[in-house]
């Protein structure tokens, strides 16, 4: 028997992925001023990351001197790991936002409404840094062309940035509870 192709029969639609858009994503108050807030939040995150990266550079410079240059190549890996770890651990953590995002009322959520796990946060962060590097930062203009101000790395990782204060009053139905719903 051949595998079924789209369109999927109505009785097999999974609401959390193939079904209708989650209702909480269709509220404009979740996305009001989001592009400016995300840009400002990233600048705050850079203010946090630059001194940490500088300290890592000094530590690896000392290790490079002590090891007669053998550990110096690890500096590149360490400098890449610091921002990757910072964004992954904070976005995948219980608050679903970096410290800069918290200052500007931004929170990351999975497309289904759940908080992202560490793997999803790692994928999003990796895609962000790769896309920023390959396009020299021009990829952020992508957010200007969609109403939810989602960036490409958000879409590819199944994430949505929203206003955290707007989520307090929103009714978010977790995917398990919505499994019985149909379009």
C-alpha atoms as a PDB file:
ATOM      1  CA  UNK A   1       0.000   0.000   0.000  1.00  0.00           C
ATOM      2  CA  UNK A   2       1.347   3.423  -0.958  1.00  0.00           C
ATOM      3  CA  UNK A   3       1.950   6.160   1.598  1.00  0.00           C
ATOM      4  CA  UNK A   4      -0.804   8.795   1.641  1.00  0.00           C
ATOM      5  CA  UNK A   5       0.087  12.210   0.276  1.00  0.00           C
ATOM      6  CA  UNK A   6      -1.373  15.600   1.055  1.00  0.00           C
ATOM      7  CA  UNK A   7      -4.172  16.545   1.277  1.00  0.00           C
ATOM      8  CA  UNK A   8      -4.587  14.411   4.362  1.00  0.00           C
ATOM      9  CA  UNK A   9      -8.068  13.021   5.051  1.00  0.00           C
ATOM     10  CA  UNK A  10     -10.016  15.129   7.567  1.00  0.00           C
ATOM     11  CA  UNK A  11     -10.004  12.393  10.200  1.00  0.00           C
ATOM     12  CA  UNK A  12      -6.184  12.266  10.170  1.00  0.00           C
ATOM     13  CA  UNK A  13      -5.397  15.976  10.536  1.00  0.00           C
ATOM     14  CA  UNK A  14      -3.206  16.740  13.505  1.00  0.00           C
ATOM     15  CA  UNK A  15      -4.277  20.109  14.864  1.00  0.00           C
ATOM     16  CA  UNK A  16      -0.893  20.867  16.421  1.00  0.00           C
ATOM     17  CA  UNK A  17       0.997  20.814  13.083  1.00  0.00           C
ATOM     18  CA  UNK A  18      -1.064  20.241   9.935  1.00  0.00           C
ATOM     19  CA  UNK A  19      -4.315  21.658  11.249  1.00  0.00           C
ATOM     20  CA  UNK A  20      -5.569  25.183  11.545  1.00  0.00           C
ATOM     21  CA  UNK A  21      -3.368  27.896  12.949  1.00  0.00           C
ATOM     22  CA  UNK A  22      -3.537  28.058  16.715  1.00  0.00           C
ATOM     23  CA  UNK A  23      -6.042  30.743  17.723  1.00  0.00           C
ATOM     24  CA  UNK A  24      -3.642  32.439  20.098  1.00  0.00           C
ATOM     25  CA  UNK A  25      -1.362  33.246  17.145  1.00  0.00           C
ATOM     26  CA  UNK A  26      -4.049  35.278  15.415  1.00  0.00           C
ATOM     27  CA  UNK A  27      -4.161  38.047  18.017  1.00  0.00           C
ATOM     28  CA  UNK A  28      -2.397  41.268  16.983  1.00  0.00           C
ATOM     29  CA  UNK A  29      -1.614  42.267  20.580  1.00  0.00           C
ATOM     30  CA  UNK A  30       0.927  39.424  20.723  1.00  0.00           C
ATOM     31  CA  UNK A  31       2.989  41.017  17.959  1.00  0.00           C
ATOM     32  CA  UNK A  32       2.585  44.793  18.471  1.00  0.00           C
ATOM     33  CA  UNK A  33       5.999  46.504  18.294  1.00  0.00           C
ATOM     34  CA  UNK A  34       7.780  43.171  18.209  1.00  0.00           C
ATOM     35  CA  UNK A  35      10.411  43.993  15.570  1.00  0.00           C
ATOM     36  CA  UNK A  36      11.748  46.976  17.528  1.00  0.00           C
ATOM     37  CA  UNK A  37      11.647  45.079  20.790  1.00  0.00           C
ATOM     38  CA  UNK A  38      13.572  42.122  19.373  1.00  0.00           C
ATOM     39  CA  UNK A  39      16.228  44.407  17.900  1.00  0.00           C
ATOM     40  CA  UNK A  40      16.665  46.251  21.203  1.00  0.00           C
ATOM     41  CA  UNK A  41      16.712  42.959  23.106  1.00  0.00           C
ATOM     42  CA  UNK A  42      19.487  41.639  20.880  1.00  0.00           C
ATOM     43  CA  UNK A  43      21.540  44.782  21.519  1.00  0.00           C
ATOM     44  CA  UNK A  44      21.185  44.176  25.267  1.00  0.00           C
ATOM     45  CA  UNK A  45      22.216  40.556  24.731  1.00  0.00           C
ATOM     46  CA  UNK A  46      25.302  41.788  22.863  1.00  0.00           C
ATOM     47  CA  UNK A  47      26.162  44.065  25.788  1.00  0.00           C
ATOM     48  CA  UNK A  48      26.038  40.946  27.983  1.00  0.00           C
ATOM     49  CA  UNK A  49      27.907  38.684  25.551  1.00  0.00           C
ATOM     50  CA  UNK A  50      30.801  40.987  24.597  1.00  0.00           C
ATOM     51  CA  UNK A  51      32.383  41.107  28.087  1.00  0.00           C
ATOM     52  CA  UNK A  52      31.897  37.347  28.489  1.00  0.00           C
ATOM     53  CA  UNK A  53      33.571  36.707  25.124  1.00  0.00           C
ATOM     54  CA  UNK A  54      36.371  39.085  26.080  1.00  0.00           C
ATOM     55  CA  UNK A  55      36.938  37.164  29.329  1.00  0.00           C
ATOM     56  CA  UNK A  56      36.969  33.865  27.411  1.00  0.00           C
ATOM     57  CA  UNK A  57      39.500  35.359  24.966  1.00  0.00           C
ATOM     58  CA  UNK A  58      41.783  36.425  27.811  1.00  0.00           C
ATOM     59  CA  UNK A  59      41.463  32.999  29.460  1.00  0.00           C
ATOM     60  CA  UNK A  60      42.304  31.201  26.218  1.00  0.00           C
ATOM     61  CA  UNK A  61      45.161  33.604  25.502  1.00  0.00           C
ATOM     62  CA  UNK A  62      46.651  32.667  28.855  1.00  0.00           C
ATOM     63  CA  UNK A  63      46.034  28.978  28.150  1.00  0.00           C
ATOM     64  CA  UNK A  64      47.649  29.442  24.739  1.00  0.00           C
ATOM     65  CA  UNK A  65      50.768  30.922  26.309  1.00  0.00           C
ATOM     66  CA  UNK A  66      50.962  28.208  28.973  1.00  0.00           C
ATOM     67  CA  UNK A  67      50.460  25.436  26.387  1.00  0.00           C
ATOM     68  CA  UNK A  68      52.945  27.016  23.940  1.00  0.00           C
ATOM     69  CA  UNK A  69      50.143  27.696  21.444  1.00  0.00           C
ATOM     70  CA  UNK A  70      48.606  24.219  21.424  1.00  0.00           C
ATOM     71  CA  UNK A  71      45.254  25.370  22.899  1.00  0.00           C
ATOM     72  CA  UNK A  72      45.012  28.576  20.859  1.00  0.00           C
ATOM     73  CA  UNK A  73      42.840  27.004  18.101  1.00  0.00           C
ATOM     74  CA  UNK A  74      40.243  26.181  20.750  1.00  0.00           C
ATOM     75  CA  UNK A  75      39.635  29.921  21.155  1.00  0.00           C
ATOM     76  CA  UNK A  76      37.547  29.947  17.973  1.00  0.00           C
ATOM     77  CA  UNK A  77      35.376  27.110  19.283  1.00  0.00           C
ATOM     78  CA  UNK A  78      34.993  28.764  22.669  1.00  0.00           C
ATOM     79  CA  UNK A  79      34.010  32.109  21.141  1.00  0.00           C
ATOM     80  CA  UNK A  80      31.366  30.354  19.052  1.00  0.00           C
ATOM     81  CA  UNK A  81      30.112  28.303  21.990  1.00  0.00           C
ATOM     82  CA  UNK A  82      29.504  31.274  24.300  1.00  0.00           C
ATOM     83  CA  UNK A  83      26.661  32.940  22.354  1.00  0.00           C
ATOM     84  CA  UNK A  84      25.282  29.570  21.285  1.00  0.00           C
ATOM     85  CA  UNK A  85      25.135  28.395  24.906  1.00  0.00           C
ATOM     86  CA  UNK A  86      23.735  31.721  26.161  1.00  0.00           C
ATOM     87  CA  UNK A  87      20.824  31.779  23.716  1.00  0.00           C
ATOM     88  CA  UNK A  88      20.128  28.044  23.920  1.00  0.00           C
ATOM     89  CA  UNK A  89      20.092  27.900  27.717  1.00  0.00           C
ATOM     90  CA  UNK A  90      18.013  31.044  28.187  1.00  0.00           C
ATOM     91  CA  UNK A  91      15.478  30.473  25.387  1.00  0.00           C
ATOM     92  CA  UNK A  92      15.157  26.775  26.204  1.00  0.00           C
ATOM     93  CA  UNK A  93      14.894  27.530  29.916  1.00  0.00           C
ATOM     94  CA  UNK A  94      11.810  28.149  32.041  1.00  0.00           C
ATOM     95  CA  UNK A  95      11.399  31.826  31.016  1.00  0.00           C
ATOM     96  CA  UNK A  96      11.781  31.144  27.237  1.00  0.00           C
ATOM     97  CA  UNK A  97      13.678  34.373  26.720  1.00  0.00           C
ATOM     98  CA  UNK A  98      17.153  35.837  26.963  1.00  0.00           C
ATOM     99  CA  UNK A  99      17.835  38.566  29.483  1.00  0.00           C
ATOM    100  CA  UNK A 100      17.495  41.180  26.771  1.00  0.00           C
ATOM    101  CA  UNK A 101      14.150  39.724  25.701  1.00  0.00           C
ATOM    102  CA  UNK A 102      12.940  39.864  29.298  1.00  0.00           C
ATOM    103  CA  UNK A 103      13.772  43.572  29.461  1.00  0.00           C
ATOM    104  CA  UNK A 104      11.681  44.268  26.353  1.00  0.00           C
ATOM    105  CA  UNK A 105       8.722  41.964  27.077  1.00  0.00           C
ATOM    106  CA  UNK A 106       9.531  39.360  24.408  1.00  0.00           C
ATOM    107  CA  UNK A 107       9.155  35.622  24.828  1.00  0.00           C
ATOM    108  CA  UNK A 108       9.730  32.707  22.472  1.00  0.00           C
ATOM    109  CA  UNK A 109       7.066  30.039  22.101  1.00  0.00           C
ATOM    110  CA  UNK A 110       6.745  26.937  20.027  1.00  0.00           C
ATOM    111  CA  UNK A 111       4.244  27.124  17.165  1.00  0.00           C
ATOM    112  CA  UNK A 112       1.910  24.986  19.274  1.00  0.00           C
ATOM    113  CA  UNK A 113       2.021  27.355  22.266  1.00  0.00           C
ATOM    114  CA  UNK A 114       4.376  25.352  24.446  1.00  0.00           C
ATOM    115  CA  UNK A 115       7.642  26.670  25.763  1.00  0.00           C
ATOM    116  CA  UNK A 116      10.555  25.547  23.580  1.00  0.00           C
ATOM    117  CA  UNK A 117      12.858  22.829  24.800  1.00  0.00           C
ATOM    118  CA  UNK A 118      16.638  23.021  24.653  1.00  0.00           C
ATOM    119  CA  UNK A 119      16.902  21.194  21.323  1.00  0.00           C
ATOM    120  CA  UNK A 120      14.446  23.562  19.631  1.00  0.00           C
ATOM    121  CA  UNK A 121      16.281  26.538  21.163  1.00  0.00           C
ATOM    122  CA  UNK A 122      19.620  25.150  19.919  1.00  0.00           C
ATOM    123  CA  UNK A 123      18.252  24.702  16.394  1.00  0.00           C
ATOM    124  CA  UNK A 124      16.814  28.226  16.379  1.00  0.00           C
ATOM    125  CA  UNK A 125      20.039  29.751  17.705  1.00  0.00           C
ATOM    126  CA  UNK A 126      22.212  27.844  15.255  1.00  0.00           C
ATOM    127  CA  UNK A 127      20.005  28.865  12.329  1.00  0.00           C
ATOM    128  CA  UNK A 128      20.087  32.473  13.524  1.00  0.00           C
ATOM    129  CA  UNK A 129      23.875  32.694  13.613  1.00  0.00           C
ATOM    130  CA  UNK A 130      24.322  30.823  10.330  1.00  0.00           C
ATOM    131  CA  UNK A 131      21.761  33.010   8.525  1.00  0.00           C
ATOM    132  CA  UNK A 132      23.198  36.196  10.010  1.00  0.00           C
ATOM    133  CA  UNK A 133      26.692  35.196   8.915  1.00  0.00           C
ATOM    134  CA  UNK A 134      25.700  34.186   5.388  1.00  0.00           C
ATOM    135  CA  UNK A 135      23.600  37.302   4.718  1.00  0.00           C
ATOM    136  CA  UNK A 136      25.626  39.861   6.694  1.00  0.00           C
ATOM    137  CA  UNK A 137      22.575  40.547   8.838  1.00  0.00           C
ATOM    138  CA  UNK A 138      20.218  41.370   5.983  1.00  0.00           C
ATOM    139  CA  UNK A 139      18.065  38.352   6.846  1.00  0.00           C
ATOM    140  CA  UNK A 140      16.415  40.348   9.661  1.00  0.00           C
ATOM    141  CA  UNK A 141      14.576  42.358   6.996  1.00  0.00           C
ATOM    142  CA  UNK A 142      12.523  39.200   6.468  1.00  0.00           C
ATOM    143  CA  UNK A 143      10.496  40.151   9.577  1.00  0.00           C
ATOM    144  CA  UNK A 144       9.146  43.254   7.855  1.00  0.00           C
ATOM    145  CA  UNK A 145       7.228  41.156   5.343  1.00  0.00           C
ATOM    146  CA  UNK A 146       5.001  39.076   7.629  1.00  0.00           C
ATOM    147  CA  UNK A 147       2.394  40.173  10.131  1.00  0.00           C
ATOM    148  CA  UNK A 148       3.762  38.159  13.041  1.00  0.00           C
ATOM    149  CA  UNK A 149       7.269  39.607  12.563  1.00  0.00           C
ATOM    150  CA  UNK A 150       8.755  36.117  12.408  1.00  0.00           C
ATOM    151  CA  UNK A 151      12.300  35.732  11.204  1.00  0.00           C
ATOM    152  CA  UNK A 152      13.414  32.895   8.955  1.00  0.00           C
ATOM    153  CA  UNK A 153      15.157  31.037  11.776  1.00  0.00           C
ATOM    154  CA  UNK A 154      11.923  31.251  13.800  1.00  0.00           C
ATOM    155  CA  UNK A 155       9.940  29.662  10.991  1.00  0.00           C
ATOM    156  CA  UNK A 156      12.465  26.920  10.298  1.00  0.00           C
ATOM    157  CA  UNK A 157      12.628  25.955  13.979  1.00  0.00           C
ATOM    158  CA  UNK A 158       8.875  26.171  14.595  1.00  0.00           C
ATOM    159  CA  UNK A 159       9.080  29.118  16.987  1.00  0.00           C
ATOM    160  CA  UNK A 160       7.174  32.359  17.419  1.00  0.00           C
ATOM    161  CA  UNK A 161       8.299  35.483  19.261  1.00  0.00           C
ATOM    162  CA  UNK A 162       5.447  37.114  21.190  1.00  0.00           C
ATOM    163  CA  UNK A 163       4.855  39.829  23.765  1.00  0.00           C
ATOM    164  CA  UNK A 164       5.101  38.146  27.158  1.00  0.00           C
ATOM    165  CA  UNK A 165       2.594  40.512  28.776  1.00  0.00           C
ATOM    166  CA  UNK A 166      -0.005  39.673  26.120  1.00  0.00           C
ATOM    167  CA  UNK A 167       0.384  35.967  26.888  1.00  0.00           C
ATOM    168  CA  UNK A 168      -0.729  36.509  30.482  1.00  0.00           C
ATOM    169  CA  UNK A 169      -4.329  37.000  29.346  1.00  0.00           C
ATOM    170  CA  UNK A 170      -4.261  34.668  26.339  1.00  0.00           C
ATOM    171  CA  UNK A 171      -5.854  31.286  26.236  1.00  0.00           C
ATOM    172  CA  UNK A 172      -3.221  28.890  24.953  1.00  0.00           C
ATOM    173  CA  UNK A 173      -4.450  25.352  24.446  1.00  0.00           C
ATOM    174  CA  UNK A 174      -1.619  22.842  24.789  1.00  0.00           C
ATOM    175  CA  UNK A 175      -1.257  20.420  21.864  1.00  0.00           C
ATOM    176  CA  UNK A 176      -2.329  17.357  23.863  1.00  0.00           C
ATOM    177  CA  UNK A 177      -5.643  18.988  24.817  1.00  0.00           C
ATOM    178  CA  UNK A 178      -6.294  20.120  21.260  1.00  0.00           C
ATOM    179  CA  UNK A 179      -5.689  16.695  19.684  1.00  0.00           C
ATOM    180  CA  UNK A 180      -9.403  15.911  19.548  1.00  0.00           C
ATOM    181  CA  UNK A 181     -10.289  19.176  17.765  1.00  0.00           C
ATOM    182  CA  UNK A 182     -10.816  19.220  14.008  1.00  0.00           C
ATOM    183  CA  UNK A 183     -10.853  21.967  11.412  1.00  0.00           C
END
